[in-house]
Amino acid sequence: MIVIFLFAGALLFACSMIFMKRGTNKMIWITVGLILSIGSVVLITLNYNTYLGMKTVSKTQTFPLTSSIRGKHVLLYQQIGTKDERIYYYATNPLQQKLYKTNPTTDKIKLTHKSNISQLKITRTYRVYRNEEMRLLFSNGVPNHQFVNQHYEFKLMPGWQVQKLNASKKS
């Protein structure tokens, strides 16, 4: 919708500059077209840079944490790069065959040792439009329910180990 306002403002500005005769009416229409065009460009820029008209919403889910290796209490990770970037492999169901993994580019991970219960808490953050008017105005720009990031909190009971994944064990 904001793109339509931009197009209408530019068209109004150009047509009034070209086709109207001198006078106050011409100046009023030129000013209206210029304000509409510049205002639309400013709003589009603010929407792309500061997510104007959007708010962040978080959704939290809690799962029981199951060992990555059957018969042991282990949480596996794989070191990538030279920093503390790691991919954690986890399971939330003891019957689960394939392990889920975290993404170090979008996920933030926190390990809590000596917890009362072994569980995984996942908090996903999204950007949504504040109201229907903002969604209609900026629907061509940033999509609704845009993913921002995820926070993983692994709570481990005493006796759990965090082990590095060997290349030969990876499935």
C-alpha atoms as a PDB file:
ATOM      1  CA  MET A   1       0.000   0.000   0.000  1.00  0.00           C
ATOM      2  CA  ILE A   2       2.850   2.404   0.782  1.00  0.00           C
ATOM      3  CA  VAL A   3       4.221   1.788  -2.710  1.00  0.00           C
ATOM      4  CA  ILE A   4       0.875   2.897  -4.129  1.00  0.00           C
ATOM      5  CA  PHE A   5       1.122   6.119  -2.082  1.00  0.00           C
ATOM      6  CA  LEU A   6       4.650   6.660  -3.410  1.00  0.00           C
ATOM      7  CA  PHE A   7       3.525   6.127  -7.004  1.00  0.00           C
ATOM      8  CA  ALA A   8       0.460   8.383  -6.546  1.00  0.00           C
ATOM      9  CA  GLY A   9       2.573  11.139  -4.987  1.00  0.00           C
ATOM     10  CA  ALA A  10       5.148  11.005  -7.765  1.00  0.00           C
ATOM     11  CA  LEU A  11       2.421  11.003 -10.413  1.00  0.00           C
ATOM     12  CA  LEU A  12       0.583  13.888  -8.729  1.00  0.00           C
ATOM     13  CA  PHE A  13       3.812  15.880  -8.442  1.00  0.00           C
ATOM     14  CA  ALA A  14       4.820  15.292 -12.072  1.00  0.00           C
ATOM     15  CA  CYS A  15       1.375  15.947 -13.555  1.00  0.00           C
ATOM     16  CA  SER A  16       0.868  19.159 -11.584  1.00  0.00           C
ATOM     17  CA  MET A  17       4.347  20.383 -12.570  1.00  0.00           C
ATOM     18  CA  ILE A  18       3.757  19.689 -16.262  1.00  0.00           C
ATOM     19  CA  PHE A  19       0.069  20.263 -16.965  1.00  0.00           C
ATOM     20  CA  MET A  20      -1.199  22.879 -14.485  1.00  0.00           C
ATOM     21  CA  LYS A  21      -1.013  26.621 -15.068  1.00  0.00           C
ATOM     22  CA  ARG A  22       0.768  28.916 -12.631  1.00  0.00           C
ATOM     23  CA  GLY A  23      -1.075  29.826  -9.484  1.00  0.00           C
ATOM     24  CA  THR A  24      -1.816  28.761  -5.935  1.00  0.00           C
ATOM     25  CA  ASN A  25      -3.618  25.570  -7.028  1.00  0.00           C
ATOM     26  CA  LYS A  26      -0.476  24.406  -8.836  1.00  0.00           C
ATOM     27  CA  MET A  27       1.690  25.084  -5.752  1.00  0.00           C
ATOM     28  CA  ILE A  28      -0.766  23.242  -3.471  1.00  0.00           C
ATOM     29  CA  TRP A  29      -0.850  20.138  -5.718  1.00  0.00           C
ATOM     30  CA  ILE A  30       2.947  20.185  -6.132  1.00  0.00           C
ATOM     31  CA  THR A  31       3.358  20.384  -2.352  1.00  0.00           C
ATOM     32  CA  VAL A  32       0.857  17.562  -1.750  1.00  0.00           C
ATOM     33  CA  GLY A  33       2.576  15.337  -4.330  1.00  0.00           C
ATOM     34  CA  LEU A  34       6.013  16.117  -2.907  1.00  0.00           C
ATOM     35  CA  ILE A  35       4.919  15.440   0.694  1.00  0.00           C
ATOM     36  CA  LEU A  36       3.274  12.162  -0.339  1.00  0.00           C
ATOM     37  CA  SER A  37       6.380  11.023  -2.252  1.00  0.00           C
ATOM     38  CA  ILE A  38       8.949  12.011   0.374  1.00  0.00           C
ATOM     39  CA  GLY A  39       6.773  10.733   3.235  1.00  0.00           C
ATOM     40  CA  SER A  40       6.368   7.364   1.525  1.00  0.00           C
ATOM     41  CA  VAL A  41      10.115   7.022   0.945  1.00  0.00           C
ATOM     42  CA  VAL A  42      10.821   7.916   4.590  1.00  0.00           C
ATOM     43  CA  LEU A  43       8.245   5.381   5.853  1.00  0.00           C
ATOM     44  CA  ILE A  44       9.605   2.642   3.564  1.00  0.00           C
ATOM     45  CA  THR A  45      13.149   3.330   4.798  1.00  0.00           C
ATOM     46  CA  LEU A  46      12.059   3.294   8.449  1.00  0.00           C
ATOM     47  CA  ASN A  47      10.195   0.029   7.881  1.00  0.00           C
ATOM     48  CA  TYR A  48      13.262  -1.686   6.417  1.00  0.00           C
ATOM     49  CA  ASN A  49      15.744  -0.320   8.964  1.00  0.00           C
ATOM     50  CA  THR A  50      13.850  -0.083  12.263  1.00  0.00           C
ATOM     51  CA  TYR A  51      10.841  -2.345  11.587  1.00  0.00           C
ATOM     52  CA  LEU A  52       8.379   0.523  11.955  1.00  0.00           C
ATOM     53  CA  GLY A  53       4.929  -0.718  12.920  1.00  0.00           C
ATOM     54  CA  MET A  54       6.214  -4.084  14.148  1.00  0.00           C
ATOM     55  CA  LYS A  55       6.685  -5.613  17.575  1.00  0.00           C
ATOM     56  CA  THR A  56       8.638  -8.654  18.702  1.00  0.00           C
ATOM     57  CA  VAL A  57       6.743 -11.649  20.038  1.00  0.00           C
ATOM     58  CA  SER A  58       8.321 -14.611  21.817  1.00  0.00           C
ATOM     59  CA  LYS A  59       7.005 -18.148  22.069  1.00  0.00           C
ATOM     60  CA  THR A  60       8.491 -20.527  24.637  1.00  0.00           C
ATOM     61  CA  GLN A  61       8.264 -24.318  24.564  1.00  0.00           C
ATOM     62  CA  THR A  62       9.645 -26.737  27.139  1.00  0.00           C
ATOM     63  CA  PHE A  63      10.586 -30.332  26.313  1.00  0.00           C
ATOM     64  CA  PRO A  64      12.040 -33.172  28.381  1.00  0.00           C
ATOM     65  CA  LEU A  65      15.661 -33.674  27.403  1.00  0.00           C
ATOM     66  CA  THR A  66      16.727 -37.168  26.393  1.00  0.00           C
ATOM     67  CA  SER A  67      20.315 -38.306  26.072  1.00  0.00           C
ATOM     68  CA  SER A  68      21.963 -38.006  22.671  1.00  0.00           C
ATOM     69  CA  ILE A  69      23.472 -41.501  23.159  1.00  0.00           C
ATOM     70  CA  ARG A  70      21.262 -44.376  24.312  1.00  0.00           C
ATOM     71  CA  GLY A  71      22.059 -45.718  27.764  1.00  0.00           C
ATOM     72  CA  LYS A  72      24.110 -42.673  28.835  1.00  0.00           C
ATOM     73  CA  HIS A  73      23.339 -39.168  30.043  1.00  0.00           C
ATOM     74  CA  VAL A  74      25.171 -37.197  27.341  1.00  0.00           C
ATOM     75  CA  LEU A  75      24.598 -34.022  25.369  1.00  0.00           C
ATOM     76  CA  LEU A  76      26.695 -33.996  22.198  1.00  0.00           C
ATOM     77  CA  TYR A  77      28.192 -30.969  20.506  1.00  0.00           C
ATOM     78  CA  GLN A  78      30.382 -30.304  17.485  1.00  0.00           C
ATOM     79  CA  GLN A  79      32.951 -27.503  17.553  1.00  0.00           C
ATOM     80  CA  ILE A  80      32.987 -25.274  14.476  1.00  0.00           C
ATOM     81  CA  GLY A  81      35.515 -22.534  13.871  1.00  0.00           C
ATOM     82  CA  THR A  82      37.967 -21.313  16.463  1.00  0.00           C
ATOM     83  CA  LYS A  83      35.554 -19.460  18.743  1.00  0.00           C
ATOM     84  CA  ASP A  84      32.908 -20.881  21.061  1.00  0.00           C
ATOM     85  CA  GLU A  85      30.623 -21.690  18.146  1.00  0.00           C
ATOM     86  CA  ARG A  86      29.086 -25.097  18.625  1.00  0.00           C
ATOM     87  CA  ILE A  87      26.324 -27.193  17.160  1.00  0.00           C
ATOM     88  CA  TYR A  88      24.475 -29.137  19.847  1.00  0.00           C
ATOM     89  CA  TYR A  89      22.754 -32.433  18.993  1.00  0.00           C
ATOM     90  CA  TYR A  90      19.768 -33.249  21.176  1.00  0.00           C
ATOM     91  CA  ALA A  91      16.687 -35.441  21.445  1.00  0.00           C
ATOM     92  CA  THR A  92      13.401 -34.686  23.172  1.00  0.00           C
ATOM     93  CA  ASN A  93      11.903 -38.167  22.927  1.00  0.00           C
ATOM     94  CA  PRO A  94      13.622 -41.439  23.919  1.00  0.00           C
ATOM     95  CA  LEU A  95      12.133 -43.182  20.856  1.00  0.00           C
ATOM     96  CA  GLN A  96      13.504 -40.545  18.493  1.00  0.00           C
ATOM     97  CA  GLN A  97      15.995 -41.952  15.970  1.00  0.00           C
ATOM     98  CA  LYS A  98      17.371 -38.761  14.436  1.00  0.00           C
ATOM     99  CA  LEU A  99      18.901 -36.021  16.597  1.00  0.00           C
ATOM    100  CA  TYR A 100      17.901 -32.387  16.236  1.00  0.00           C
ATOM    101  CA  LYS A 101      20.670 -29.820  15.993  1.00  0.00           C
ATOM    102  CA  THR A 102      21.069 -26.149  16.790  1.00  0.00           C
ATOM    103  CA  ASN A 103      22.083 -23.482  14.284  1.00  0.00           C
ATOM    104  CA  PRO A 104      24.975 -21.303  15.506  1.00  0.00           C
ATOM    105  CA  THR A 105      24.090 -18.414  13.177  1.00  0.00           C
ATOM    106  CA  THR A 106      20.578 -17.783  14.550  1.00  0.00           C
ATOM    107  CA  ASP A 107      20.531 -19.627  17.888  1.00  0.00           C
ATOM    108  CA  LYS A 108      21.826 -18.577  21.291  1.00  0.00           C
ATOM    109  CA  ILE A 109      22.590 -21.421  23.674  1.00  0.00           C
ATOM    110  CA  LYS A 110      22.767 -21.539  27.458  1.00  0.00           C
ATOM    111  CA  LEU A 111      23.795 -24.602  29.466  1.00  0.00           C
ATOM    112  CA  THR A 112      22.653 -24.947  33.071  1.00  0.00           C
ATOM    113  CA  HIS A 113      24.302 -27.743  35.052  1.00  0.00           C
ATOM    114  CA  LYS A 114      23.004 -29.247  38.313  1.00  0.00           C
ATOM    115  CA  SER A 115      19.355 -28.615  37.554  1.00  0.00           C
ATOM    116  CA  ASN A 116      16.519 -30.524  39.235  1.00  0.00           C
ATOM    117  CA  ILE A 117      15.263 -31.927  35.935  1.00  0.00           C
ATOM    118  CA  SER A 118      16.769 -32.460  32.496  1.00  0.00           C
ATOM    119  CA  GLN A 119      14.835 -30.351  30.073  1.00  0.00           C
ATOM    120  CA  LEU A 120      15.165 -28.130  27.037  1.00  0.00           C
ATOM    121  CA  LYS A 121      13.548 -24.710  26.872  1.00  0.00           C
ATOM    122  CA  ILE A 122      13.285 -23.173  23.378  1.00  0.00           C
ATOM    123  CA  THR A 123      12.275 -19.524  22.998  1.00  0.00           C
ATOM    124  CA  ARG A 124      11.568 -18.377  19.436  1.00  0.00           C
ATOM    125  CA  THR A 125      11.309 -14.668  18.658  1.00  0.00           C
ATOM    126  CA  TYR A 126       9.335 -13.271  15.719  1.00  0.00           C
ATOM    127  CA  ARG A 127       8.406  -9.815  14.423  1.00  0.00           C
ATOM    128  CA  VAL A 128       4.705  -9.225  13.817  1.00  0.00           C
ATOM    129  CA  TYR A 129       2.788  -6.128  12.769  1.00  0.00           C
ATOM    130  CA  ARG A 130       1.244  -4.126  15.613  1.00  0.00           C
ATOM    131  CA  ASN A 131      -2.170  -3.921  13.960  1.00  0.00           C
ATOM    132  CA  GLU A 132      -4.025  -4.563  10.706  1.00  0.00           C
ATOM    133  CA  GLU A 133      -3.433  -1.021   9.416  1.00  0.00           C
ATOM    134  CA  MET A 134       0.357  -1.415   9.666  1.00  0.00           C
ATOM    135  CA  ARG A 135       0.164  -4.797   7.946  1.00  0.00           C
ATOM    136  CA  LEU A 136      -1.844  -3.310   5.083  1.00  0.00           C
ATOM    137  CA  LEU A 137       0.478  -0.323   4.788  1.00  0.00           C
ATOM    138  CA  PHE A 138       3.740  -2.287   4.736  1.00  0.00           C
ATOM    139  CA  SER A 139       2.656  -5.713   3.451  1.00  0.00           C
ATOM    140  CA  ASN A 140       4.954  -5.444   0.412  1.00  0.00           C
ATOM    141  CA  GLY A 141       7.997  -4.840   2.626  1.00  0.00           C
ATOM    142  CA  VAL A 142       8.854  -6.965   5.627  1.00  0.00           C
ATOM    143  CA  PRO A 143       6.725 -10.135   5.955  1.00  0.00           C
ATOM    144  CA  ASN A 144       4.531 -10.777   8.982  1.00  0.00           C
ATOM    145  CA  HIS A 145       5.838 -13.372  11.497  1.00  0.00           C
ATOM    146  CA  GLN A 146       9.432 -12.748  10.441  1.00  0.00           C
ATOM    147  CA  PHE A 147      11.824 -15.025  12.351  1.00  0.00           C
ATOM    148  CA  VAL A 148      14.416 -13.144  14.451  1.00  0.00           C
ATOM    149  CA  ASN A 149      16.247 -15.716  16.610  1.00  0.00           C
ATOM    150  CA  GLN A 150      16.012 -18.689  18.956  1.00  0.00           C
ATOM    151  CA  HIS A 151      17.292 -19.214  22.475  1.00  0.00           C
ATOM    152  CA  TYR A 152      18.023 -22.730  23.687  1.00  0.00           C
ATOM    153  CA  GLU A 153      18.411 -23.398  27.395  1.00  0.00           C
ATOM    154  CA  PHE A 154      19.654 -26.891  28.185  1.00  0.00           C
ATOM    155  CA  LYS A 155      19.037 -27.752  31.853  1.00  0.00           C
ATOM    156  CA  LEU A 156      21.100 -30.775  32.831  1.00  0.00           C
ATOM    157  CA  MET A 157      20.787 -32.859  35.998  1.00  0.00           C
ATOM    158  CA  PRO A 158      23.904 -33.878  37.927  1.00  0.00           C
ATOM    159  CA  GLY A 159      25.592 -36.799  36.176  1.00  0.00           C
ATOM    160  CA  TRP A 160      24.995 -35.463  32.675  1.00  0.00           C
ATOM    161  CA  GLN A 161      28.040 -34.884  30.487  1.00  0.00           C
ATOM    162  CA  VAL A 162      28.592 -32.550  27.562  1.00  0.00           C
ATOM    163  CA  GLN A 163      30.805 -34.381  25.057  1.00  0.00           C
ATOM    164  CA  LYS A 164      32.407 -33.416  21.795  1.00  0.00           C
ATOM    165  CA  LEU A 165      31.077 -35.384  18.845  1.00  0.00           C
ATOM    166  CA  ASN A 166      33.658 -37.566  17.111  1.00  0.00           C
ATOM    167  CA  ALA A 167      33.555 -37.543  13.313  1.00  0.00           C
ATOM    168  CA  SER A 168      33.200 -41.339  13.259  1.00  0.00           C
ATOM    169  CA  LYS A 169      30.094 -41.311  15.506  1.00  0.00           C
ATOM    170  CA  LYS A 170      28.157 -38.718  13.509  1.00  0.00           C
ATOM    171  CA  SER A 171      24.998 -40.121  11.913  1.00  0.00           C
END
